[in-house]
Amino acid sequence: MTVHWDWVLGNLGEIAAATLAHLELTLMAVGAGFALSLVLALGVYRWRRLYGPIAGIAGILYTIPSLALFAILVPFTGLSVLTAEIGLVSYTLLILVRGIVSGVDGVPRDAVEAATGMGYTGRQRLARVELPLAAPVIVASVRLATVSTIGLVMVTALIGEGGLGQLMLRGLNRGFPTMVYVGVGMSIILAVVLDLALVGLQRLLTPWARKPAT
């Protein structure tokens, strides 16, 4: 089937609005998920025995099918952005908590011992040494969570949200494949753009990791 470019050119405003809505849902979910995961990971850093229960609960949430999770939430929060975000944030937790904990655990012990020898407190060592050195692993987990969330946002079209998912759903209902192609294509472009942006962020956060020019 061919793409009707006349429809695409005539509906650039609608496509842009759907893409922006998709982006907003994604950024809110990943941002909230990262903030919550950081708090949970810091709890694990302080009390290691919490890691098992936290990872277990996050794993259970991750395994619940998205449609089933939204169906559970709708009676309580309705067909709303809140319902979409609760579901989307839930799916980021396992990825992000594991990423943050693994990143901090992977910091070389000699760097930790050197910071301790310099008189850093536990909090200073975490903020100035461990988290910065763990940044590559943490950002990698954020990249994974972001790309997966972009795909999951599509599903929220079934509860009245979805951004590009709404575009695809209308295309399927109307039997108009062009809308579906545009929705898929724009979601892929969005994923690539955000992934590249996060790679750039990682480079800014880890200047020591850049290879010198030869």
N, C-alpha and C. Protein backbone atom coordinates (compact mmCIF):
# COMPACT_ATOMS: atom_id res chain seq x y z
N MET A 1 0.83 -1.19 0.00
CA MET A 1 0.00 0.00 0.00
C MET A 1 0.88 1.26 0.00
N THR A 2 0.44 2.25 -0.73
CA THR A 2 1.21 3.47 -0.85
C THR A 2 0.81 4.49 0.22
N VAL A 3 1.73 5.41 0.47
CA VAL A 3 1.48 6.48 1.41
C VAL A 3 0.86 7.65 0.66
N HIS A 4 -0.21 8.19 1.18
CA HIS A 4 -0.86 9.35 0.57
C HIS A 4 -0.17 10.61 1.08
N TRP A 5 0.81 11.06 0.31
CA TRP A 5 1.60 12.21 0.76
C TRP A 5 0.78 13.48 0.79
N ASP A 6 -0.27 13.55 -0.03
CA ASP A 6 -1.12 14.73 0.02
C ASP A 6 -1.79 14.86 1.39
N TRP A 7 -2.18 13.73 1.99
CA TRP A 7 -2.76 13.76 3.33
C TRP A 7 -1.71 14.19 4.35
N VAL A 8 -0.50 13.66 4.21
CA VAL A 8 0.58 14.01 5.14
C VAL A 8 0.85 15.51 5.10
N LEU A 9 0.99 16.06 3.91
CA LEU A 9 1.30 17.48 3.77
C LEU A 9 0.15 18.35 4.24
N GLY A 10 -1.06 17.86 4.09
CA GLY A 10 -2.23 18.63 4.50
C GLY A 10 -2.55 18.53 5.97
N ASN A 11 -1.85 17.64 6.68
CA ASN A 11 -2.15 17.43 8.11
C ASN A 11 -0.89 17.51 8.97
N LEU A 12 0.04 18.35 8.57
CA LEU A 12 1.29 18.47 9.32
C LEU A 12 1.03 18.98 10.74
N GLY A 13 0.03 19.85 10.88
CA GLY A 13 -0.30 20.36 12.21
C GLY A 13 -0.77 19.25 13.14
N GLU A 14 -1.64 18.38 12.63
CA GLU A 14 -2.15 17.27 13.43
C GLU A 14 -1.03 16.30 13.78
N ILE A 15 -0.15 16.05 12.82
CA ILE A 15 0.98 15.14 13.07
C ILE A 15 1.92 15.72 14.12
N ALA A 16 2.19 17.02 14.02
CA ALA A 16 3.07 17.68 14.99
C ALA A 16 2.45 17.65 16.39
N ALA A 17 1.14 17.89 16.47
CA ALA A 17 0.46 17.88 17.77
C ALA A 17 0.50 16.49 18.40
N ALA A 18 0.29 15.46 17.58
CA ALA A 18 0.34 14.09 18.08
C ALA A 18 1.75 13.72 18.54
N THR A 19 2.75 14.17 17.79
CA THR A 19 4.14 13.90 18.16
C THR A 19 4.49 14.60 19.47
N LEU A 20 4.05 15.84 19.62
CA LEU A 20 4.32 16.59 20.85
C LEU A 20 3.64 15.93 22.05
N ALA A 21 2.40 15.49 21.87
CA ALA A 21 1.70 14.79 22.95
C ALA A 21 2.42 13.51 23.33
N HIS A 22 2.91 12.80 22.33
CA HIS A 22 3.65 11.56 22.57
C HIS A 22 4.93 11.86 23.35
N LEU A 23 5.61 12.93 22.95
CA LEU A 23 6.85 13.33 23.61
C LEU A 23 6.58 13.71 25.07
N GLU A 24 5.52 14.46 25.32
CA GLU A 24 5.19 14.89 26.68
C GLU A 24 4.89 13.69 27.58
N LEU A 25 4.10 12.75 27.08
CA LEU A 25 3.79 11.56 27.88
C LEU A 25 5.05 10.77 28.19
N THR A 26 5.94 10.67 27.21
CA THR A 26 7.18 9.92 27.39
C THR A 26 8.08 10.58 28.41
N LEU A 27 8.30 11.89 28.26
CA LEU A 27 9.20 12.60 29.17
C LEU A 27 8.67 12.62 30.60
N MET A 28 7.35 12.79 30.75
CA MET A 28 6.77 12.77 32.10
C MET A 28 6.97 11.42 32.75
N ALA A 29 6.75 10.34 31.99
CA ALA A 29 6.88 9.00 32.54
C ALA A 29 8.32 8.68 32.90
N VAL A 30 9.25 8.98 32.00
CA VAL A 30 10.66 8.67 32.27
C VAL A 30 11.20 9.56 33.38
N GLY A 31 10.80 10.84 33.39
CA GLY A 31 11.25 11.75 34.44
C GLY A 31 10.76 11.31 35.81
N ALA A 32 9.47 11.02 35.91
CA ALA A 32 8.91 10.57 37.19
C ALA A 32 9.49 9.22 37.58
N GLY A 33 9.64 8.33 36.60
CA GLY A 33 10.20 7.01 36.88
C GLY A 33 11.64 7.10 37.37
N PHE A 34 12.41 8.01 36.77
CA PHE A 34 13.81 8.16 37.19
C PHE A 34 13.88 8.73 38.61
N ALA A 35 13.06 9.73 38.90
CA ALA A 35 13.07 10.32 40.24
C ALA A 35 12.71 9.28 41.30
N LEU A 36 11.66 8.50 41.03
CA LEU A 36 11.25 7.46 41.98
C LEU A 36 12.31 6.37 42.09
N SER A 37 12.88 5.98 40.95
CA SER A 37 13.91 4.94 40.95
C SER A 37 15.16 5.39 41.69
N LEU A 38 15.51 6.66 41.56
CA LEU A 38 16.68 7.18 42.26
C LEU A 38 16.48 7.11 43.77
N VAL A 39 15.28 7.47 44.22
CA VAL A 39 14.98 7.38 45.64
C VAL A 39 15.07 5.93 46.12
N LEU A 40 14.49 5.02 45.34
CA LEU A 40 14.53 3.61 45.71
C LEU A 40 15.95 3.07 45.70
N ALA A 41 16.73 3.48 44.69
CA ALA A 41 18.12 3.02 44.59
C ALA A 41 18.96 3.55 45.76
N LEU A 42 18.69 4.79 46.16
CA LEU A 42 19.42 5.34 47.31
C LEU A 42 19.03 4.60 48.59
N GLY A 43 17.78 4.16 48.65
CA GLY A 43 17.37 3.34 49.79
C GLY A 43 18.13 2.03 49.81
N VAL A 44 18.31 1.44 48.62
CA VAL A 44 19.08 0.20 48.52
C VAL A 44 20.54 0.45 48.90
N TYR A 45 21.06 1.61 48.48
CA TYR A 45 22.44 1.98 48.81
C TYR A 45 22.63 2.04 50.33
N ARG A 46 21.61 2.54 51.01
CA ARG A 46 21.69 2.68 52.47
C ARG A 46 21.36 1.36 53.18
N TRP A 47 20.35 0.68 52.71
CA TRP A 47 19.92 -0.58 53.33
C TRP A 47 19.86 -1.65 52.22
N ARG A 48 20.91 -2.39 52.08
CA ARG A 48 21.05 -3.32 50.96
C ARG A 48 19.95 -4.38 50.93
N ARG A 49 19.44 -4.74 52.08
CA ARG A 49 18.42 -5.80 52.12
C ARG A 49 17.12 -5.38 51.43
N LEU A 50 16.97 -4.10 51.13
CA LEU A 50 15.76 -3.64 50.44
C LEU A 50 15.77 -4.00 48.95
N TYR A 51 16.95 -4.34 48.41
CA TYR A 51 17.04 -4.54 46.96
C TYR A 51 16.15 -5.68 46.48
N GLY A 52 16.13 -6.78 47.22
CA GLY A 52 15.31 -7.92 46.81
C GLY A 52 13.83 -7.57 46.71
N PRO A 53 13.23 -7.02 47.79
CA PRO A 53 11.81 -6.66 47.71
C PRO A 53 11.50 -5.61 46.64
N ILE A 54 12.35 -4.58 46.53
CA ILE A 54 12.12 -3.53 45.55
C ILE A 54 12.20 -4.09 44.13
N ALA A 55 13.24 -4.86 43.86
CA ALA A 55 13.39 -5.46 42.53
C ALA A 55 12.25 -6.43 42.24
N GLY A 56 11.81 -7.15 43.26
CA GLY A 56 10.72 -8.10 43.07
C GLY A 56 9.41 -7.41 42.71
N ILE A 57 9.08 -6.35 43.44
CA ILE A 57 7.84 -5.61 43.15
C ILE A 57 7.92 -4.96 41.78
N ALA A 58 9.07 -4.35 41.47
CA ALA A 58 9.24 -3.73 40.15
C ALA A 58 9.14 -4.78 39.04
N GLY A 59 9.67 -5.97 39.30
CA GLY A 59 9.59 -7.04 38.32
C GLY A 59 8.17 -7.51 38.09
N ILE A 60 7.38 -7.59 39.16
CA ILE A 60 5.97 -7.97 39.02
C ILE A 60 5.21 -6.95 38.18
N LEU A 61 5.43 -5.66 38.47
CA LEU A 61 4.77 -4.60 37.71
C LEU A 61 5.16 -4.68 36.23
N TYR A 62 6.43 -4.99 35.99
CA TYR A 62 6.92 -5.03 34.61
C TYR A 62 6.30 -6.17 33.81
N THR A 63 5.93 -7.25 34.50
CA THR A 63 5.39 -8.42 33.79
C THR A 63 3.89 -8.33 33.55
N ILE A 64 3.21 -7.37 34.19
CA ILE A 64 1.77 -7.23 33.96
C ILE A 64 1.53 -6.67 32.56
N PRO A 65 0.74 -7.32 31.73
CA PRO A 65 0.45 -6.78 30.39
C PRO A 65 -0.13 -5.37 30.49
N SER A 66 0.28 -4.50 29.58
CA SER A 66 -0.12 -3.10 29.65
C SER A 66 -1.63 -2.93 29.63
N LEU A 67 -2.33 -3.66 28.78
CA LEU A 67 -3.79 -3.53 28.72
C LEU A 67 -4.43 -3.94 30.03
N ALA A 68 -3.91 -4.98 30.65
CA ALA A 68 -4.46 -5.44 31.92
C ALA A 68 -4.21 -4.40 33.01
N LEU A 69 -3.02 -3.80 33.01
CA LEU A 69 -2.71 -2.80 34.03
C LEU A 69 -3.61 -1.58 33.88
N PHE A 70 -3.81 -1.12 32.64
CA PHE A 70 -4.69 0.04 32.43
C PHE A 70 -6.13 -0.30 32.82
N ALA A 71 -6.55 -1.53 32.54
CA ALA A 71 -7.90 -1.95 32.92
C ALA A 71 -8.08 -1.94 34.43
N ILE A 72 -7.03 -2.29 35.17
CA ILE A 72 -7.08 -2.27 36.63
C ILE A 72 -7.18 -0.83 37.14
N LEU A 73 -6.46 0.08 36.48
CA LEU A 73 -6.37 1.46 36.95
C LEU A 73 -7.60 2.30 36.60
N VAL A 74 -8.22 2.03 35.46
CA VAL A 74 -9.32 2.88 34.97
C VAL A 74 -10.45 3.07 35.99
N PRO A 75 -10.91 2.01 36.69
CA PRO A 75 -11.99 2.24 37.68
C PRO A 75 -11.62 3.23 38.78
N PHE A 76 -10.33 3.40 39.04
CA PHE A 76 -9.89 4.29 40.13
C PHE A 76 -9.49 5.68 39.62
N THR A 77 -8.84 5.75 38.46
CA THR A 77 -8.32 7.04 37.97
C THR A 77 -8.96 7.48 36.66
N GLY A 78 -9.84 6.64 36.10
CA GLY A 78 -10.56 7.03 34.90
C GLY A 78 -9.71 7.00 33.64
N LEU A 79 -10.31 7.44 32.55
CA LEU A 79 -9.60 7.52 31.27
C LEU A 79 -8.85 8.86 31.26
N SER A 80 -7.69 8.87 31.85
CA SER A 80 -6.99 10.13 32.07
C SER A 80 -5.49 9.99 31.85
N VAL A 81 -4.83 11.15 31.83
CA VAL A 81 -3.37 11.16 31.74
C VAL A 81 -2.76 10.47 32.96
N LEU A 82 -3.39 10.64 34.12
CA LEU A 82 -2.88 10.00 35.34
C LEU A 82 -2.84 8.49 35.19
N THR A 83 -3.89 7.92 34.62
CA THR A 83 -3.91 6.47 34.40
C THR A 83 -2.77 6.05 33.49
N ALA A 84 -2.59 6.80 32.41
CA ALA A 84 -1.51 6.49 31.47
C ALA A 84 -0.15 6.59 32.15
N GLU A 85 0.05 7.65 32.93
CA GLU A 85 1.35 7.86 33.54
C GLU A 85 1.66 6.85 34.64
N ILE A 86 0.66 6.47 35.41
CA ILE A 86 0.91 5.44 36.44
C ILE A 86 1.39 4.16 35.78
N GLY A 87 0.73 3.77 34.71
CA GLY A 87 1.14 2.56 34.00
C GLY A 87 2.52 2.70 33.39
N LEU A 88 2.77 3.83 32.73
CA LEU A 88 4.06 4.03 32.06
C LEU A 88 5.21 4.09 33.06
N VAL A 89 5.00 4.80 34.16
CA VAL A 89 6.05 4.89 35.18
C VAL A 89 6.34 3.52 35.77
N SER A 90 5.30 2.73 35.97
CA SER A 90 5.50 1.38 36.55
C SER A 90 6.45 0.54 35.71
N TYR A 91 6.37 0.70 34.38
CA TYR A 91 7.21 -0.11 33.51
C TYR A 91 8.66 0.37 33.45
N THR A 92 8.93 1.59 33.93
CA THR A 92 10.31 2.08 33.92
C THR A 92 11.09 1.65 35.16
N LEU A 93 10.39 1.31 36.23
CA LEU A 93 11.06 1.12 37.51
C LEU A 93 12.09 0.00 37.51
N LEU A 94 11.74 -1.15 36.96
CA LEU A 94 12.67 -2.27 36.98
C LEU A 94 13.95 -1.92 36.22
N ILE A 95 13.81 -1.30 35.06
CA ILE A 95 14.97 -0.94 34.24
C ILE A 95 15.84 0.08 34.97
N LEU A 96 15.21 1.11 35.51
CA LEU A 96 15.97 2.21 36.09
C LEU A 96 16.57 1.86 37.44
N VAL A 97 15.82 1.18 38.29
CA VAL A 97 16.37 0.80 39.60
C VAL A 97 17.58 -0.11 39.40
N ARG A 98 17.44 -1.10 38.54
CA ARG A 98 18.57 -2.00 38.29
C ARG A 98 19.75 -1.24 37.70
N GLY A 99 19.46 -0.31 36.79
CA GLY A 99 20.54 0.46 36.16
C GLY A 99 21.31 1.30 37.16
N ILE A 100 20.58 2.00 38.03
CA ILE A 100 21.24 2.87 39.01
C ILE A 100 22.05 2.04 40.00
N VAL A 101 21.44 0.97 40.52
CA VAL A 101 22.14 0.12 41.49
C VAL A 101 23.36 -0.53 40.85
N SER A 102 23.20 -1.04 39.64
CA SER A 102 24.33 -1.69 38.96
C SER A 102 25.44 -0.69 38.67
N GLY A 103 25.05 0.53 38.28
CA GLY A 103 26.05 1.55 38.00
C GLY A 103 26.87 1.89 39.23
N VAL A 104 26.21 2.08 40.36
CA VAL A 104 26.92 2.41 41.59
C VAL A 104 27.75 1.22 42.06
N ASP A 105 27.21 0.02 41.94
CA ASP A 105 27.96 -1.18 42.35
C ASP A 105 29.21 -1.37 41.49
N GLY A 106 29.15 -0.88 40.26
CA GLY A 106 30.26 -1.09 39.34
C GLY A 106 31.38 -0.07 39.46
N VAL A 107 31.23 0.91 40.34
CA VAL A 107 32.29 1.90 40.53
C VAL A 107 33.52 1.20 41.13
N PRO A 108 34.70 1.44 40.55
CA PRO A 108 35.91 0.78 41.07
C PRO A 108 36.12 1.04 42.56
N ARG A 109 36.46 -0.03 43.28
CA ARG A 109 36.62 0.11 44.73
C ARG A 109 37.77 1.04 45.09
N ASP A 110 38.81 1.11 44.24
CA ASP A 110 39.92 2.00 44.57
C ASP A 110 39.50 3.46 44.53
N ALA A 111 38.53 3.79 43.65
CA ALA A 111 38.02 5.16 43.61
C ALA A 111 37.23 5.47 44.87
N VAL A 112 36.44 4.51 45.33
CA VAL A 112 35.67 4.69 46.56
C VAL A 112 36.61 4.83 47.76
N GLU A 113 37.62 3.97 47.81
CA GLU A 113 38.56 4.02 48.92
C GLU A 113 39.37 5.31 48.92
N ALA A 114 39.71 5.79 47.72
CA ALA A 114 40.46 7.05 47.62
C ALA A 114 39.62 8.21 48.13
N ALA A 115 38.32 8.22 47.77
CA ALA A 115 37.43 9.28 48.25
C ALA A 115 37.28 9.23 49.76
N THR A 116 37.18 8.02 50.29
CA THR A 116 37.08 7.87 51.74
C THR A 116 38.35 8.36 52.43
N GLY A 117 39.49 8.03 51.82
CA GLY A 117 40.76 8.48 52.37
C GLY A 117 40.93 9.98 52.34
N MET A 118 40.26 10.64 51.41
CA MET A 118 40.33 12.10 51.32
C MET A 118 39.38 12.78 52.31
N GLY A 119 38.64 11.98 53.06
CA GLY A 119 37.78 12.54 54.08
C GLY A 119 36.34 12.77 53.66
N TYR A 120 35.94 12.23 52.49
CA TYR A 120 34.56 12.38 52.05
C TYR A 120 33.63 11.61 52.97
N THR A 121 32.50 12.21 53.29
CA THR A 121 31.47 11.47 54.00
C THR A 121 30.77 10.53 53.01
N GLY A 122 29.90 9.66 53.53
CA GLY A 122 29.19 8.75 52.65
C GLY A 122 28.38 9.48 51.59
N ARG A 123 27.69 10.56 52.00
CA ARG A 123 26.88 11.32 51.04
C ARG A 123 27.75 12.05 50.03
N GLN A 124 28.85 12.64 50.49
CA GLN A 124 29.75 13.33 49.57
C GLN A 124 30.36 12.35 48.57
N ARG A 125 30.75 11.19 49.05
CA ARG A 125 31.33 10.18 48.17
C ARG A 125 30.32 9.73 47.11
N LEU A 126 29.07 9.55 47.52
CA LEU A 126 28.03 9.14 46.58
C LEU A 126 27.80 10.21 45.53
N ALA A 127 27.66 11.47 45.97
CA ALA A 127 27.32 12.56 45.05
C ALA A 127 28.48 12.94 44.14
N ARG A 128 29.71 12.92 44.67
CA ARG A 128 30.85 13.45 43.92
C ARG A 128 31.67 12.38 43.20
N VAL A 129 31.54 11.14 43.63
CA VAL A 129 32.38 10.09 43.06
C VAL A 129 31.55 8.97 42.44
N GLU A 130 30.72 8.34 43.25
CA GLU A 130 30.04 7.12 42.80
C GLU A 130 29.00 7.39 41.70
N LEU A 131 28.12 8.37 41.92
CA LEU A 131 27.11 8.64 40.90
C LEU A 131 27.72 9.16 39.60
N PRO A 132 28.69 10.10 39.65
CA PRO A 132 29.32 10.52 38.40
C PRO A 132 29.99 9.37 37.64
N LEU A 133 30.70 8.50 38.37
CA LEU A 133 31.37 7.38 37.70
C LEU A 133 30.36 6.34 37.20
N ALA A 134 29.19 6.30 37.83
CA ALA A 134 28.15 5.36 37.40
C ALA A 134 27.31 5.92 36.27
N ALA A 135 27.54 7.17 35.88
CA ALA A 135 26.69 7.84 34.89
C ALA A 135 26.52 7.06 33.58
N PRO A 136 27.57 6.46 32.99
CA PRO A 136 27.37 5.72 31.74
C PRO A 136 26.34 4.60 31.85
N VAL A 137 26.40 3.84 32.95
CA VAL A 137 25.45 2.74 33.14
C VAL A 137 24.05 3.30 33.40
N ILE A 138 23.98 4.37 34.20
CA ILE A 138 22.68 4.96 34.52
C ILE A 138 22.03 5.53 33.28
N VAL A 139 22.80 6.26 32.47
CA VAL A 139 22.24 6.83 31.25
C VAL A 139 21.81 5.74 30.27
N ALA A 140 22.58 4.65 30.24
CA ALA A 140 22.19 3.52 29.37
C ALA A 140 20.83 2.97 29.78
N SER A 141 20.58 2.90 31.09
CA SER A 141 19.27 2.42 31.55
C SER A 141 18.17 3.42 31.21
N VAL A 142 18.48 4.71 31.28
CA VAL A 142 17.50 5.73 30.91
C VAL A 142 17.18 5.65 29.42
N ARG A 143 18.19 5.40 28.62
CA ARG A 143 17.97 5.24 27.17
C ARG A 143 17.03 4.08 26.89
N LEU A 144 17.28 2.95 27.57
CA LEU A 144 16.43 1.78 27.38
C LEU A 144 15.00 2.06 27.84
N ALA A 145 14.87 2.71 29.00
CA ALA A 145 13.54 3.03 29.51
C ALA A 145 12.80 3.99 28.59
N THR A 146 13.53 4.93 28.02
CA THR A 146 12.91 5.93 27.13
C THR A 146 12.38 5.28 25.86
N VAL A 147 13.21 4.46 25.24
CA VAL A 147 12.78 3.81 23.99
C VAL A 147 11.60 2.88 24.23
N SER A 148 11.63 2.12 25.33
CA SER A 148 10.52 1.21 25.61
C SER A 148 9.25 1.99 25.94
N THR A 149 9.40 3.13 26.62
CA THR A 149 8.23 3.94 26.97
C THR A 149 7.58 4.53 25.73
N ILE A 150 8.38 4.94 24.75
CA ILE A 150 7.82 5.47 23.50
C ILE A 150 6.89 4.44 22.87
N GLY A 151 7.29 3.18 22.90
CA GLY A 151 6.43 2.13 22.36
C GLY A 151 5.19 1.91 23.20
N LEU A 152 5.33 1.96 24.52
CA LEU A 152 4.19 1.73 25.40
C LEU A 152 3.18 2.87 25.35
N VAL A 153 3.65 4.09 25.07
CA VAL A 153 2.73 5.22 24.95
C VAL A 153 1.68 4.94 23.87
N MET A 154 2.06 4.20 22.85
CA MET A 154 1.12 3.85 21.78
C MET A 154 -0.12 3.15 22.35
N VAL A 155 0.10 2.29 23.33
CA VAL A 155 -0.99 1.50 23.89
C VAL A 155 -1.99 2.38 24.62
N THR A 156 -1.53 3.51 25.16
CA THR A 156 -2.43 4.38 25.92
C THR A 156 -3.48 5.04 25.03
N ALA A 157 -3.36 4.86 23.73
CA ALA A 157 -4.42 5.35 22.83
C ALA A 157 -5.75 4.69 23.15
N LEU A 158 -5.70 3.49 23.68
CA LEU A 158 -6.93 2.76 24.01
C LEU A 158 -7.67 3.35 25.20
N ILE A 159 -7.00 4.24 25.95
CA ILE A 159 -7.69 4.91 27.06
C ILE A 159 -7.79 6.42 26.80
N GLY A 160 -7.69 6.79 25.53
CA GLY A 160 -7.91 8.18 25.14
C GLY A 160 -6.67 9.05 25.12
N GLU A 161 -5.46 8.47 25.35
CA GLU A 161 -4.22 9.24 25.29
C GLU A 161 -3.43 8.74 24.08
N GLY A 162 -2.12 8.67 24.22
CA GLY A 162 -1.35 7.97 23.20
C GLY A 162 -0.61 8.79 22.19
N GLY A 163 -0.96 10.07 21.98
CA GLY A 163 -0.22 10.84 20.99
C GLY A 163 -0.27 10.21 19.62
N LEU A 164 0.84 9.70 19.16
CA LEU A 164 0.91 9.04 17.85
C LEU A 164 0.09 7.77 17.83
N GLY A 165 -0.13 7.17 18.99
CA GLY A 165 -0.99 5.99 19.05
C GLY A 165 -2.41 6.32 18.64
N GLN A 166 -2.88 7.52 19.01
CA GLN A 166 -4.22 7.96 18.58
C GLN A 166 -4.30 8.06 17.07
N LEU A 167 -3.22 8.56 16.48
CA LEU A 167 -3.17 8.68 15.02
C LEU A 167 -3.26 7.30 14.38
N MET A 168 -2.52 6.35 14.91
CA MET A 168 -2.55 4.99 14.38
C MET A 168 -3.91 4.34 14.57
N LEU A 169 -4.50 4.56 15.75
CA LEU A 169 -5.80 3.95 16.04
C LEU A 169 -6.88 4.47 15.09
N ARG A 170 -6.86 5.76 14.84
CA ARG A 170 -7.83 6.32 13.90
C ARG A 170 -7.60 5.79 12.50
N GLY A 171 -6.33 5.62 12.14
CA GLY A 171 -6.03 5.07 10.82
C GLY A 171 -6.52 3.65 10.66
N LEU A 172 -6.38 2.85 11.71
CA LEU A 172 -6.87 1.47 11.67
C LEU A 172 -8.40 1.44 11.60
N ASN A 173 -9.04 2.29 12.39
CA ASN A 173 -10.51 2.32 12.38
C ASN A 173 -11.09 2.77 11.05
N ARG A 174 -10.36 3.66 10.37
CA ARG A 174 -10.84 4.18 9.09
C ARG A 174 -10.36 3.36 7.90
N GLY A 175 -9.48 2.38 8.17
CA GLY A 175 -8.92 1.62 7.06
C GLY A 175 -8.03 2.48 6.20
N PHE A 176 -7.31 3.42 6.82
CA PHE A 176 -6.45 4.37 6.09
C PHE A 176 -5.00 4.16 6.55
N PRO A 177 -4.26 3.29 5.88
CA PRO A 177 -2.91 2.91 6.33
C PRO A 177 -1.93 4.07 6.45
N THR A 178 -2.13 5.12 5.69
CA THR A 178 -1.19 6.25 5.75
C THR A 178 -1.04 6.78 7.17
N MET A 179 -2.14 6.89 7.90
CA MET A 179 -2.08 7.37 9.28
C MET A 179 -1.28 6.41 10.16
N VAL A 180 -1.41 5.13 9.88
CA VAL A 180 -0.66 4.12 10.64
C VAL A 180 0.83 4.26 10.35
N TYR A 181 1.17 4.39 9.07
CA TYR A 181 2.57 4.52 8.69
C TYR A 181 3.20 5.77 9.30
N VAL A 182 2.45 6.85 9.28
CA VAL A 182 2.96 8.10 9.84
C VAL A 182 3.18 7.94 11.34
N GLY A 183 2.23 7.31 12.04
CA GLY A 183 2.37 7.10 13.47
C GLY A 183 3.59 6.25 13.80
N VAL A 184 3.78 5.17 13.07
CA VAL A 184 4.94 4.29 13.30
C VAL A 184 6.23 5.04 12.98
N GLY A 185 6.24 5.70 11.82
CA GLY A 185 7.45 6.41 11.39
C GLY A 185 7.87 7.50 12.35
N MET A 186 6.91 8.29 12.80
CA MET A 186 7.23 9.38 13.73
C MET A 186 7.67 8.85 15.09
N SER A 187 7.11 7.73 15.52
CA SER A 187 7.53 7.15 16.81
C SER A 187 8.98 6.66 16.72
N ILE A 188 9.35 6.11 15.56
CA ILE A 188 10.74 5.67 15.37
C ILE A 188 11.68 6.86 15.36
N ILE A 189 11.29 7.92 14.65
CA ILE A 189 12.11 9.14 14.61
C ILE A 189 12.26 9.72 16.00
N LEU A 190 11.16 9.74 16.76
CA LEU A 190 11.19 10.27 18.12
C LEU A 190 12.14 9.46 19.00
N ALA A 191 12.09 8.14 18.85
CA ALA A 191 12.98 7.28 19.64
C ALA A 191 14.44 7.55 19.30
N VAL A 192 14.75 7.70 18.02
CA VAL A 192 16.13 7.95 17.60
C VAL A 192 16.61 9.30 18.11
N VAL A 193 15.77 10.32 18.00
CA VAL A 193 16.15 11.67 18.44
C VAL A 193 16.41 11.71 19.94
N LEU A 194 15.51 11.11 20.73
CA LEU A 194 15.70 11.10 22.18
C LEU A 194 16.92 10.28 22.58
N ASP A 195 17.15 9.17 21.88
CA ASP A 195 18.32 8.35 22.19
C ASP A 195 19.60 9.12 21.92
N LEU A 196 19.66 9.83 20.80
CA LEU A 196 20.84 10.62 20.49
C LEU A 196 21.03 11.76 21.50
N ALA A 197 19.91 12.35 21.93
CA ALA A 197 19.99 13.41 22.94
C ALA A 197 20.57 12.88 24.24
N LEU A 198 20.18 11.67 24.62
CA LEU A 198 20.71 11.07 25.85
C LEU A 198 22.18 10.70 25.71
N VAL A 199 22.59 10.29 24.51
CA VAL A 199 24.01 10.03 24.27
C VAL A 199 24.81 11.32 24.45
N GLY A 200 24.26 12.43 23.92
CA GLY A 200 24.91 13.72 24.10
C GLY A 200 24.98 14.12 25.56
N LEU A 201 23.90 13.84 26.31
CA LEU A 201 23.90 14.14 27.74
C LEU A 201 24.97 13.33 28.47
N GLN A 202 25.11 12.08 28.08
CA GLN A 202 26.14 11.24 28.71
C GLN A 202 27.53 11.81 28.46
N ARG A 203 27.77 12.30 27.26
CA ARG A 203 29.08 12.88 26.94
C ARG A 203 29.35 14.12 27.79
N LEU A 204 28.29 14.90 28.04
CA LEU A 204 28.44 16.09 28.87
C LEU A 204 28.72 15.72 30.33
N LEU A 205 28.08 14.65 30.79
CA LEU A 205 28.23 14.23 32.19
C LEU A 205 29.54 13.50 32.44
N THR A 206 30.13 12.94 31.39
CA THR A 206 31.35 12.14 31.56
C THR A 206 32.45 12.63 30.62
N PRO A 207 32.91 13.87 30.80
CA PRO A 207 33.96 14.39 29.90
C PRO A 207 35.24 13.58 29.94
N TRP A 208 35.51 12.93 31.10
CA TRP A 208 36.73 12.14 31.23
C TRP A 208 36.73 10.89 30.35
N ALA A 209 35.52 10.50 29.90
CA ALA A 209 35.41 9.27 29.12
C ALA A 209 35.66 9.50 27.63
N ARG A 210 35.76 10.77 27.23
CA ARG A 210 35.97 11.05 25.82
C ARG A 210 37.39 10.69 25.42
N LYS A 211 37.51 10.08 24.26
CA LYS A 211 38.84 9.71 23.77
C LYS A 211 39.52 10.96 23.21
N PRO A 212 40.79 11.16 23.55
CA PRO A 212 41.49 12.31 23.00
C PRO A 212 41.67 12.18 21.49
N ALA A 213 41.63 13.31 20.82
CA ALA A 213 41.81 13.30 19.36
C ALA A 213 43.22 12.84 19.01
N THR A 214 43.32 12.07 17.92
CA THR A 214 44.62 11.58 17.50
C THR A 214 45.04 12.26 16.22
